[in-house]
Amino acid sequence: MRLVKITESPKAGKKLRATFEHDGRLKHTDFGAAGMDDYTRTGDKVQRDRYRTRHAKDLTTKDPTRAGFLSYYILWGDSTSIKTNTAHYRTKFNL
């Protein structure tokens, strides 16, 4: 499995779409609530820490292609840069 790209989501109510390729097939995961804040927009570390505490349960699925993982690591990652967070996410999950 590999992460092909992250683009703006065409789905109403979502911010971004991650496209994954696995065995020649594409899988799309839309994530991030449109109109809501995230760390890449606000840079508020306290808000990020609260989000991470509240959503740590999303990581129990152990499936990095799920929306909860993508939001946690890309929108609420260590950096305010989506590009930096995406690079870290690719490395962390070998995608």
C-alpha atoms as a PDB file:
ATOM      1  CA  MET A   1       0.000   0.000   0.000  1.00  0.00           C
ATOM      2  CA  ARG A   2       1.236   3.494  -0.761  1.00  0.00           C
ATOM      3  CA  LEU A   3      -0.105   7.002  -0.385  1.00  0.00           C
ATOM      4  CA  VAL A   4      -0.403   8.437  -3.896  1.00  0.00           C
ATOM      5  CA  LYS A   5      -1.560  11.970  -3.074  1.00  0.00           C
ATOM      6  CA  ILE A   6      -3.561  14.236  -0.821  1.00  0.00           C
ATOM      7  CA  THR A   7      -5.876  16.699  -2.527  1.00  0.00           C
ATOM      8  CA  GLU A   8      -8.829  18.892  -1.705  1.00  0.00           C
ATOM      9  CA  SER A   9     -11.898  16.729  -1.146  1.00  0.00           C
ATOM     10  CA  PRO A  10     -14.753  16.880  -3.647  1.00  0.00           C
ATOM     11  CA  LYS A  11     -17.054  15.540  -0.931  1.00  0.00           C
ATOM     12  CA  ALA A  12     -19.246  18.118   0.807  1.00  0.00           C
ATOM     13  CA  GLY A  13     -18.308  18.606   4.432  1.00  0.00           C
ATOM     14  CA  LYS A  14     -14.744  17.264   4.103  1.00  0.00           C
ATOM     15  CA  LYS A  15     -11.429  19.139   3.752  1.00  0.00           C
ATOM     16  CA  LEU A  16      -9.042  16.675   2.136  1.00  0.00           C
ATOM     17  CA  ARG A  17      -8.934  13.388   0.244  1.00  0.00           C
ATOM     18  CA  ALA A  18      -6.129  10.853   0.527  1.00  0.00           C
ATOM     19  CA  THR A  19      -5.661   8.492  -2.398  1.00  0.00           C
ATOM     20  CA  PHE A  20      -3.976   5.156  -1.712  1.00  0.00           C
ATOM     21  CA  GLU A  21      -2.850   2.508  -4.201  1.00  0.00           C
ATOM     22  CA  HIS A  22      -2.919  -1.161  -3.238  1.00  0.00           C
ATOM     23  CA  ASP A  23      -2.524  -4.033  -5.688  1.00  0.00           C
ATOM     24  CA  GLY A  24      -3.222  -1.742  -8.639  1.00  0.00           C
ATOM     25  CA  ARG A  25      -6.477  -0.411  -7.171  1.00  0.00           C
ATOM     26  CA  LEU A  26      -7.126   3.064  -5.804  1.00  0.00           C
ATOM     27  CA  LYS A  27      -8.808   3.743  -2.473  1.00  0.00           C
ATOM     28  CA  HIS A  28      -9.993   7.208  -1.448  1.00  0.00           C
ATOM     29  CA  THR A  29     -10.459   8.409   2.110  1.00  0.00           C
ATOM     30  CA  ASP A  30     -12.015  11.817   2.739  1.00  0.00           C
ATOM     31  CA  PHE A  31     -11.131  13.382   6.073  1.00  0.00           C
ATOM     32  CA  GLY A  32     -11.277  16.573   8.099  1.00  0.00           C
ATOM     33  CA  ALA A  33     -14.510  18.425   8.769  1.00  0.00           C
ATOM     34  CA  ALA A  34     -14.852  21.392   6.419  1.00  0.00           C
ATOM     35  CA  GLY A  35     -15.328  24.667   8.211  1.00  0.00           C
ATOM     36  CA  MET A  36     -13.679  23.418  11.408  1.00  0.00           C
ATOM     37  CA  ASP A  37     -10.316  24.468  12.806  1.00  0.00           C
ATOM     38  CA  ASP A  38      -7.262  22.243  12.776  1.00  0.00           C
ATOM     39  CA  TYR A  39      -3.656  22.714  13.856  1.00  0.00           C
ATOM     40  CA  THR A  40      -2.485  23.562  10.332  1.00  0.00           C
ATOM     41  CA  ARG A  41      -4.850  26.559  10.374  1.00  0.00           C
ATOM     42  CA  THR A  42      -4.588  27.791  13.960  1.00  0.00           C
ATOM     43  CA  GLY A  43      -1.163  26.718  15.211  1.00  0.00           C
ATOM     44  CA  ASP A  44      -2.735  26.414  18.681  1.00  0.00           C
ATOM     45  CA  LYS A  45      -0.773  23.708  20.535  1.00  0.00           C
ATOM     46  CA  VAL A  46      -3.249  23.548  23.429  1.00  0.00           C
ATOM     47  CA  GLN A  47      -6.093  22.928  20.982  1.00  0.00           C
ATOM     48  CA  ARG A  48      -3.962  20.274  19.224  1.00  0.00           C
ATOM     49  CA  ASP A  49      -3.233  18.494  22.503  1.00  0.00           C
ATOM     50  CA  ARG A  50      -6.936  18.455  23.398  1.00  0.00           C
ATOM     51  CA  TYR A  51      -7.790  17.053  19.945  1.00  0.00           C
ATOM     52  CA  ARG A  52      -5.134  14.347  20.236  1.00  0.00           C
ATOM     53  CA  THR A  53      -6.326  13.321  23.693  1.00  0.00           C
ATOM     54  CA  ARG A  54      -9.940  13.193  22.538  1.00  0.00           C
ATOM     55  CA  HIS A  55      -9.163  11.253  19.351  1.00  0.00           C
ATOM     56  CA  ALA A  56      -6.417   8.849  20.478  1.00  0.00           C
ATOM     57  CA  LYS A  57      -9.098   6.133  20.395  1.00  0.00           C
ATOM     58  CA  ASP A  58      -9.242   6.540  16.577  1.00  0.00           C
ATOM     59  CA  LEU A  59      -5.792   4.940  16.393  1.00  0.00           C
ATOM     60  CA  THR A  60      -6.927   1.638  17.927  1.00  0.00           C
ATOM     61  CA  THR A  61      -8.016   0.406  14.483  1.00  0.00           C
ATOM     62  CA  LYS A  62      -4.336   0.186  13.476  1.00  0.00           C
ATOM     63  CA  ASP A  63      -5.386   1.120   9.911  1.00  0.00           C
ATOM     64  CA  PRO A  64      -3.494   4.224   8.751  1.00  0.00           C
ATOM     65  CA  THR A  65      -5.813   4.613   5.740  1.00  0.00           C
ATOM     66  CA  ARG A  66      -8.787   5.532   7.950  1.00  0.00           C
ATOM     67  CA  ALA A  67      -9.961   9.106   8.335  1.00  0.00           C
ATOM     68  CA  GLY A  68      -9.155   9.196  12.057  1.00  0.00           C
ATOM     69  CA  PHE A  69      -5.487   8.402  11.387  1.00  0.00           C
ATOM     70  CA  LEU A  70      -5.253  10.921   8.571  1.00  0.00           C
ATOM     71  CA  SER A  71      -6.762  13.738  10.615  1.00  0.00           C
ATOM     72  CA  TYR A  72      -4.663  12.889  13.664  1.00  0.00           C
ATOM     73  CA  TYR A  73      -1.331  12.868  11.806  1.00  0.00           C
ATOM     74  CA  ILE A  74      -1.888  15.326   8.941  1.00  0.00           C
ATOM     75  CA  LEU A  75      -4.284  17.995  10.203  1.00  0.00           C
ATOM     76  CA  TRP A  76      -3.269  17.730  13.864  1.00  0.00           C
ATOM     77  CA  GLY A  77       0.374  16.629  13.414  1.00  0.00           C
ATOM     78  CA  ASP A  78       3.509  18.109  14.930  1.00  0.00           C
ATOM     79  CA  SER A  79       3.813  20.827  12.278  1.00  0.00           C
ATOM     80  CA  THR A  80       1.459  23.483  10.949  1.00  0.00           C
ATOM     81  CA  SER A  81       2.523  22.402   7.447  1.00  0.00           C
ATOM     82  CA  ILE A  82       0.374  19.791   5.717  1.00  0.00           C
ATOM     83  CA  LYS A  83       3.354  18.949   3.499  1.00  0.00           C
ATOM     84  CA  THR A  84       5.628  18.271   6.489  1.00  0.00           C
ATOM     85  CA  ASN A  85       2.953  16.274   8.303  1.00  0.00           C
ATOM     86  CA  THR A  86       2.272  14.213   5.169  1.00  0.00           C
ATOM     87  CA  ALA A  87       5.974  13.382   4.806  1.00  0.00           C
ATOM     88  CA  HIS A  88       6.101  12.294   8.453  1.00  0.00           C
ATOM     89  CA  TYR A  89       2.928  10.206   7.994  1.00  0.00           C
ATOM     90  CA  ARG A  90       4.382   8.455   4.908  1.00  0.00           C
ATOM     91  CA  THR A  91       7.570   7.619   6.788  1.00  0.00           C
ATOM     92  CA  LYS A  92       5.858   6.531  10.008  1.00  0.00           C
ATOM     93  CA  PHE A  93       3.513   4.109   8.240  1.00  0.00           C
ATOM     94  CA  ASN A  94       5.819   3.179   5.348  1.00  0.00           C
ATOM     95  CA  LEU A  95       3.379   4.442   2.735  1.00  0.00           C
END
